[in-house]
Amino acid sequence: MRKAFAGNKKPLYLRPNKLTLSKTMTKAELISKIADDAGITKVAAGTALSSFMEAVEKTLKKGDKITLTGFGTFSVSKRAARKGRNPFTGETIKIKAKKVAKFKASKELSGKL
């Protein structure tokens, strides 16, 4: 671990991010893949992907869930308010309750990984 100093504050310990070691597919790459697989233009694939994302967003805002058989389920989860700690100063802070999007992969998808 390396030490990094932010002014006169306590040193921060930085760890290499494991996620940066793997390849992440971007939205543009996903659109290209959809267009190639479906034999359509990138514009059409982009429109379809945007429509899907918008439908998921609207459904989750209503509090409903979406189940795609063989893929997984998108749902909304409620996180309760809780106390946290500011890592720089050590003081206790209040973290508000909020709703978060959640995805649970199906058994079929999990089995393919």
N, C-alpha and C. Protein backbone atom coordinates (compact mmCIF):
# COMPACT_ATOMS: atom_id res chain seq x y z
N MET A 1 0.84 -1.18 0.00
CA MET A 1 0.00 0.00 0.00
C MET A 1 0.88 1.24 0.00
N ARG A 2 0.42 2.26 -0.72
CA ARG A 2 1.14 3.52 -0.76
C ARG A 2 0.43 4.52 0.14
N LYS A 3 1.22 5.44 0.70
CA LYS A 3 0.63 6.50 1.51
C LYS A 3 0.48 7.75 0.66
N ALA A 4 -0.64 8.42 0.81
CA ALA A 4 -0.87 9.69 0.13
C ALA A 4 -1.31 10.70 1.19
N PHE A 5 -0.77 11.89 1.14
CA PHE A 5 -1.09 12.89 2.14
C PHE A 5 -1.93 13.99 1.52
N ALA A 6 -2.98 14.38 2.23
CA ALA A 6 -3.86 15.46 1.79
C ALA A 6 -3.69 16.61 2.78
N GLY A 7 -2.79 17.52 2.50
CA GLY A 7 -2.54 18.64 3.40
C GLY A 7 -1.93 18.16 4.70
N ASN A 8 -2.44 18.66 5.82
CA ASN A 8 -1.93 18.28 7.14
C ASN A 8 -2.75 17.16 7.77
N LYS A 9 -3.61 16.53 6.98
CA LYS A 9 -4.48 15.49 7.53
C LYS A 9 -3.75 14.17 7.63
N LYS A 10 -4.41 13.21 8.22
CA LYS A 10 -3.85 11.88 8.37
C LYS A 10 -3.57 11.27 7.00
N PRO A 11 -2.60 10.37 6.89
CA PRO A 11 -2.32 9.76 5.59
C PRO A 11 -3.45 8.83 5.16
N LEU A 12 -3.69 8.81 3.85
CA LEU A 12 -4.66 7.90 3.26
C LEU A 12 -3.90 6.70 2.73
N TYR A 13 -4.46 5.55 2.86
CA TYR A 13 -3.81 4.35 2.32
C TYR A 13 -4.54 3.96 1.05
N LEU A 14 -3.83 4.02 -0.07
CA LEU A 14 -4.42 3.73 -1.37
C LEU A 14 -4.13 2.29 -1.75
N ARG A 15 -5.14 1.61 -2.21
CA ARG A 15 -4.98 0.23 -2.68
C ARG A 15 -5.28 0.19 -4.17
N PRO A 16 -4.61 -0.66 -4.90
CA PRO A 16 -4.93 -0.77 -6.32
C PRO A 16 -6.37 -1.25 -6.48
N ASN A 17 -7.09 -0.64 -7.41
CA ASN A 17 -8.48 -0.99 -7.65
C ASN A 17 -8.54 -2.26 -8.49
N LYS A 18 -9.12 -3.30 -7.96
CA LYS A 18 -9.21 -4.57 -8.68
C LYS A 18 -10.06 -4.46 -9.93
N LEU A 19 -11.03 -3.54 -9.92
CA LEU A 19 -11.92 -3.40 -11.06
C LEU A 19 -11.19 -2.86 -12.30
N THR A 20 -10.12 -2.13 -12.10
CA THR A 20 -9.41 -1.58 -13.24
C THR A 20 -8.61 -2.65 -13.98
N LEU A 21 -8.42 -3.80 -13.36
CA LEU A 21 -7.67 -4.86 -13.99
C LEU A 21 -8.49 -5.63 -15.01
N SER A 22 -9.81 -5.54 -14.93
CA SER A 22 -10.68 -6.25 -15.86
C SER A 22 -11.22 -5.29 -16.91
N LYS A 23 -11.67 -5.82 -18.02
CA LYS A 23 -12.20 -5.02 -19.12
C LYS A 23 -13.65 -4.67 -18.83
N THR A 24 -13.99 -3.41 -18.98
CA THR A 24 -15.36 -2.94 -18.80
C THR A 24 -15.92 -2.55 -20.16
N MET A 25 -17.11 -3.06 -20.47
CA MET A 25 -17.76 -2.73 -21.74
C MET A 25 -18.46 -1.39 -21.59
N THR A 26 -18.21 -0.48 -22.52
CA THR A 26 -18.86 0.83 -22.50
C THR A 26 -20.20 0.75 -23.22
N LYS A 27 -20.99 1.81 -23.08
CA LYS A 27 -22.29 1.86 -23.75
C LYS A 27 -22.11 1.81 -25.27
N ALA A 28 -21.12 2.52 -25.78
CA ALA A 28 -20.86 2.52 -27.22
C ALA A 28 -20.48 1.13 -27.72
N GLU A 29 -19.68 0.40 -26.94
CA GLU A 29 -19.30 -0.96 -27.32
C GLU A 29 -20.51 -1.90 -27.29
N LEU A 30 -21.38 -1.71 -26.31
CA LEU A 30 -22.60 -2.52 -26.23
C LEU A 30 -23.50 -2.24 -27.42
N ILE A 31 -23.64 -0.98 -27.80
CA ILE A 31 -24.46 -0.63 -28.97
C ILE A 31 -23.89 -1.27 -30.22
N SER A 32 -22.57 -1.23 -30.38
CA SER A 32 -21.93 -1.86 -31.55
C SER A 32 -22.19 -3.36 -31.57
N LYS A 33 -22.10 -4.01 -30.43
CA LYS A 33 -22.33 -5.46 -30.32
C LYS A 33 -23.78 -5.80 -30.68
N ILE A 34 -24.72 -5.03 -30.16
CA ILE A 34 -26.14 -5.26 -30.47
C ILE A 34 -26.39 -5.07 -31.96
N ALA A 35 -25.83 -4.01 -32.53
CA ALA A 35 -26.01 -3.73 -33.96
C ALA A 35 -25.45 -4.86 -34.82
N ASP A 36 -24.26 -5.35 -34.49
CA ASP A 36 -23.65 -6.44 -35.25
C ASP A 36 -24.45 -7.73 -35.13
N ASP A 37 -24.86 -8.08 -33.90
CA ASP A 37 -25.60 -9.33 -33.68
C ASP A 37 -26.98 -9.31 -34.33
N ALA A 38 -27.66 -8.16 -34.29
CA ALA A 38 -29.02 -8.07 -34.82
C ALA A 38 -29.06 -7.67 -36.29
N GLY A 39 -27.92 -7.27 -36.84
CA GLY A 39 -27.88 -6.86 -38.24
C GLY A 39 -28.61 -5.55 -38.49
N ILE A 40 -28.53 -4.64 -37.52
CA ILE A 40 -29.17 -3.33 -37.65
C ILE A 40 -28.11 -2.24 -37.52
N THR A 41 -28.52 -1.00 -37.76
CA THR A 41 -27.57 0.10 -37.65
C THR A 41 -27.29 0.42 -36.18
N LYS A 42 -26.18 1.12 -35.97
CA LYS A 42 -25.84 1.53 -34.61
C LYS A 42 -26.86 2.52 -34.07
N VAL A 43 -27.43 3.34 -34.93
CA VAL A 43 -28.45 4.30 -34.51
C VAL A 43 -29.68 3.56 -34.00
N ALA A 44 -30.10 2.54 -34.72
CA ALA A 44 -31.27 1.75 -34.30
C ALA A 44 -30.98 1.01 -32.99
N ALA A 45 -29.78 0.46 -32.88
CA ALA A 45 -29.40 -0.25 -31.66
C ALA A 45 -29.33 0.72 -30.48
N GLY A 46 -28.82 1.92 -30.72
CA GLY A 46 -28.76 2.94 -29.66
C GLY A 46 -30.14 3.36 -29.20
N THR A 47 -31.05 3.50 -30.15
CA THR A 47 -32.43 3.86 -29.83
C THR A 47 -33.10 2.76 -29.01
N ALA A 48 -32.87 1.52 -29.40
CA ALA A 48 -33.46 0.38 -28.67
C ALA A 48 -32.90 0.31 -27.25
N LEU A 49 -31.60 0.49 -27.10
CA LEU A 49 -30.98 0.43 -25.77
C LEU A 49 -31.49 1.59 -24.89
N SER A 50 -31.59 2.78 -25.46
CA SER A 50 -32.11 3.93 -24.71
C SER A 50 -33.55 3.69 -24.27
N SER A 51 -34.34 3.09 -25.14
CA SER A 51 -35.73 2.79 -24.82
C SER A 51 -35.80 1.78 -23.67
N PHE A 52 -34.95 0.76 -23.72
CA PHE A 52 -34.91 -0.24 -22.65
C PHE A 52 -34.54 0.41 -21.32
N MET A 53 -33.49 1.24 -21.34
CA MET A 53 -33.05 1.89 -20.10
C MET A 53 -34.12 2.82 -19.54
N GLU A 54 -34.82 3.52 -20.41
CA GLU A 54 -35.90 4.42 -19.99
C GLU A 54 -37.06 3.63 -19.39
N ALA A 55 -37.40 2.50 -20.00
CA ALA A 55 -38.49 1.66 -19.48
C ALA A 55 -38.14 1.11 -18.10
N VAL A 56 -36.90 0.69 -17.91
CA VAL A 56 -36.46 0.18 -16.60
C VAL A 56 -36.55 1.30 -15.58
N GLU A 57 -36.05 2.49 -15.93
CA GLU A 57 -36.08 3.63 -15.01
C GLU A 57 -37.50 3.99 -14.59
N LYS A 58 -38.42 4.10 -15.55
CA LYS A 58 -39.81 4.47 -15.24
C LYS A 58 -40.49 3.42 -14.37
N THR A 59 -40.23 2.16 -14.67
CA THR A 59 -40.84 1.08 -13.89
C THR A 59 -40.33 1.09 -12.45
N LEU A 60 -39.03 1.28 -12.28
CA LEU A 60 -38.46 1.30 -10.93
C LEU A 60 -38.92 2.53 -10.16
N LYS A 61 -39.09 3.67 -10.83
CA LYS A 61 -39.59 4.87 -10.16
C LYS A 61 -40.98 4.65 -9.58
N LYS A 62 -41.80 3.83 -10.27
CA LYS A 62 -43.14 3.52 -9.78
C LYS A 62 -43.09 2.54 -8.61
N GLY A 63 -41.93 1.92 -8.38
CA GLY A 63 -41.81 0.95 -7.30
C GLY A 63 -42.06 -0.48 -7.74
N ASP A 64 -42.27 -0.68 -9.03
CA ASP A 64 -42.49 -2.02 -9.56
C ASP A 64 -41.16 -2.69 -9.86
N LYS A 65 -41.22 -3.96 -10.26
CA LYS A 65 -39.99 -4.65 -10.64
C LYS A 65 -40.14 -5.25 -12.03
N ILE A 66 -39.00 -5.52 -12.65
CA ILE A 66 -38.97 -6.09 -14.00
C ILE A 66 -38.25 -7.42 -13.93
N THR A 67 -38.87 -8.46 -14.43
CA THR A 67 -38.26 -9.78 -14.47
C THR A 67 -38.06 -10.19 -15.91
N LEU A 68 -36.82 -10.47 -16.27
CA LEU A 68 -36.48 -10.97 -17.60
C LEU A 68 -36.08 -12.43 -17.42
N THR A 69 -36.94 -13.33 -17.80
CA THR A 69 -36.71 -14.76 -17.61
C THR A 69 -35.40 -15.17 -18.27
N GLY A 70 -34.58 -15.87 -17.52
CA GLY A 70 -33.29 -16.33 -18.02
C GLY A 70 -32.18 -15.30 -17.88
N PHE A 71 -32.52 -14.07 -17.43
CA PHE A 71 -31.52 -13.03 -17.28
C PHE A 71 -31.45 -12.54 -15.84
N GLY A 72 -32.56 -11.99 -15.33
CA GLY A 72 -32.55 -11.51 -13.95
C GLY A 72 -33.71 -10.58 -13.67
N THR A 73 -33.68 -9.98 -12.48
CA THR A 73 -34.76 -9.11 -12.01
C THR A 73 -34.20 -7.78 -11.54
N PHE A 74 -34.81 -6.70 -12.04
CA PHE A 74 -34.50 -5.35 -11.57
C PHE A 74 -35.56 -4.99 -10.54
N SER A 75 -35.16 -4.44 -9.41
CA SER A 75 -36.12 -4.04 -8.39
C SER A 75 -35.58 -2.85 -7.62
N VAL A 76 -36.43 -2.32 -6.72
CA VAL A 76 -36.05 -1.19 -5.88
C VAL A 76 -35.92 -1.69 -4.45
N SER A 77 -34.86 -1.27 -3.80
CA SER A 77 -34.62 -1.65 -2.41
C SER A 77 -34.54 -0.37 -1.58
N LYS A 78 -35.06 -0.42 -0.36
CA LYS A 78 -35.02 0.74 0.53
C LYS A 78 -33.88 0.56 1.52
N ARG A 79 -33.06 1.59 1.64
CA ARG A 79 -31.99 1.59 2.64
C ARG A 79 -32.42 2.51 3.77
N ALA A 80 -32.33 2.02 4.98
CA ALA A 80 -32.73 2.81 6.15
C ALA A 80 -31.68 3.88 6.44
N ALA A 81 -32.10 4.92 7.15
CA ALA A 81 -31.16 5.94 7.59
C ALA A 81 -30.20 5.30 8.58
N ARG A 82 -28.96 5.77 8.56
CA ARG A 82 -27.97 5.19 9.46
C ARG A 82 -26.90 6.21 9.79
N LYS A 83 -26.07 5.87 10.74
CA LYS A 83 -24.95 6.74 11.10
C LYS A 83 -23.70 6.25 10.38
N GLY A 84 -22.91 7.18 9.92
CA GLY A 84 -21.65 6.85 9.26
C GLY A 84 -20.53 7.64 9.90
N ARG A 85 -19.34 7.50 9.32
CA ARG A 85 -18.19 8.21 9.88
C ARG A 85 -17.41 8.86 8.74
N ASN A 86 -17.08 10.13 8.90
CA ASN A 86 -16.25 10.83 7.94
C ASN A 86 -14.83 10.29 8.08
N PRO A 87 -14.27 9.67 7.02
CA PRO A 87 -12.96 9.05 7.15
C PRO A 87 -11.83 10.05 7.37
N PHE A 88 -12.01 11.31 6.97
CA PHE A 88 -10.95 12.30 7.15
C PHE A 88 -10.91 12.86 8.56
N THR A 89 -12.10 13.21 9.09
CA THR A 89 -12.15 13.86 10.40
C THR A 89 -12.51 12.89 11.52
N GLY A 90 -13.14 11.78 11.18
CA GLY A 90 -13.55 10.82 12.19
C GLY A 90 -14.88 11.16 12.84
N GLU A 91 -15.49 12.29 12.46
CA GLU A 91 -16.75 12.68 13.09
C GLU A 91 -17.91 11.83 12.56
N THR A 92 -18.92 11.63 13.41
CA THR A 92 -20.10 10.86 13.05
C THR A 92 -21.03 11.73 12.21
N ILE A 93 -21.56 11.14 11.12
CA ILE A 93 -22.49 11.86 10.27
C ILE A 93 -23.76 11.04 10.10
N LYS A 94 -24.85 11.72 9.74
CA LYS A 94 -26.12 11.04 9.49
C LYS A 94 -26.23 10.79 7.99
N ILE A 95 -26.55 9.56 7.62
CA ILE A 95 -26.78 9.20 6.22
C ILE A 95 -28.28 8.99 6.06
N LYS A 96 -28.87 9.74 5.12
CA LYS A 96 -30.32 9.70 4.93
C LYS A 96 -30.77 8.36 4.34
N ALA A 97 -32.03 8.03 4.60
CA ALA A 97 -32.64 6.86 3.98
C ALA A 97 -32.81 7.14 2.50
N LYS A 98 -32.71 6.10 1.67
CA LYS A 98 -32.90 6.29 0.25
C LYS A 98 -33.30 4.99 -0.42
N LYS A 99 -33.79 5.14 -1.64
CA LYS A 99 -34.14 3.98 -2.46
C LYS A 99 -33.00 3.75 -3.44
N VAL A 100 -32.67 2.49 -3.69
CA VAL A 100 -31.60 2.15 -4.63
C VAL A 100 -32.09 1.07 -5.59
N ALA A 101 -31.55 1.12 -6.80
CA ALA A 101 -31.86 0.09 -7.79
C ALA A 101 -31.06 -1.16 -7.46
N LYS A 102 -31.67 -2.31 -7.71
CA LYS A 102 -31.04 -3.58 -7.38
C LYS A 102 -31.25 -4.53 -8.55
N PHE A 103 -30.24 -5.34 -8.84
CA PHE A 103 -30.35 -6.35 -9.88
C PHE A 103 -29.95 -7.69 -9.31
N LYS A 104 -30.79 -8.70 -9.52
CA LYS A 104 -30.47 -10.05 -9.08
C LYS A 104 -30.44 -10.94 -10.32
N ALA A 105 -29.28 -11.53 -10.58
CA ALA A 105 -29.13 -12.40 -11.75
C ALA A 105 -29.92 -13.69 -11.55
N SER A 106 -30.45 -14.22 -12.65
CA SER A 106 -31.19 -15.48 -12.58
C SER A 106 -30.22 -16.64 -12.39
N LYS A 107 -30.76 -17.80 -12.05
CA LYS A 107 -29.93 -18.99 -11.90
C LYS A 107 -29.25 -19.34 -13.23
N GLU A 108 -29.98 -19.15 -14.32
CA GLU A 108 -29.43 -19.47 -15.64
C GLU A 108 -28.23 -18.59 -15.96
N LEU A 109 -28.36 -17.29 -15.72
CA LEU A 109 -27.25 -16.38 -15.99
C LEU A 109 -26.09 -16.67 -15.05
N SER A 110 -26.38 -16.87 -13.78
CA SER A 110 -25.33 -17.16 -12.81
C SER A 110 -24.58 -18.44 -13.16
N GLY A 111 -25.31 -19.43 -13.68
CA GLY A 111 -24.69 -20.69 -14.05
C GLY A 111 -23.76 -20.57 -15.24
N LYS A 112 -23.99 -19.56 -16.10
CA LYS A 112 -23.16 -19.37 -17.28
C LYS A 112 -21.87 -18.61 -16.98
N LEU A 113 -21.80 -18.01 -15.80
CA LEU A 113 -20.61 -17.21 -15.46
C LEU A 113 -19.52 -18.06 -14.96
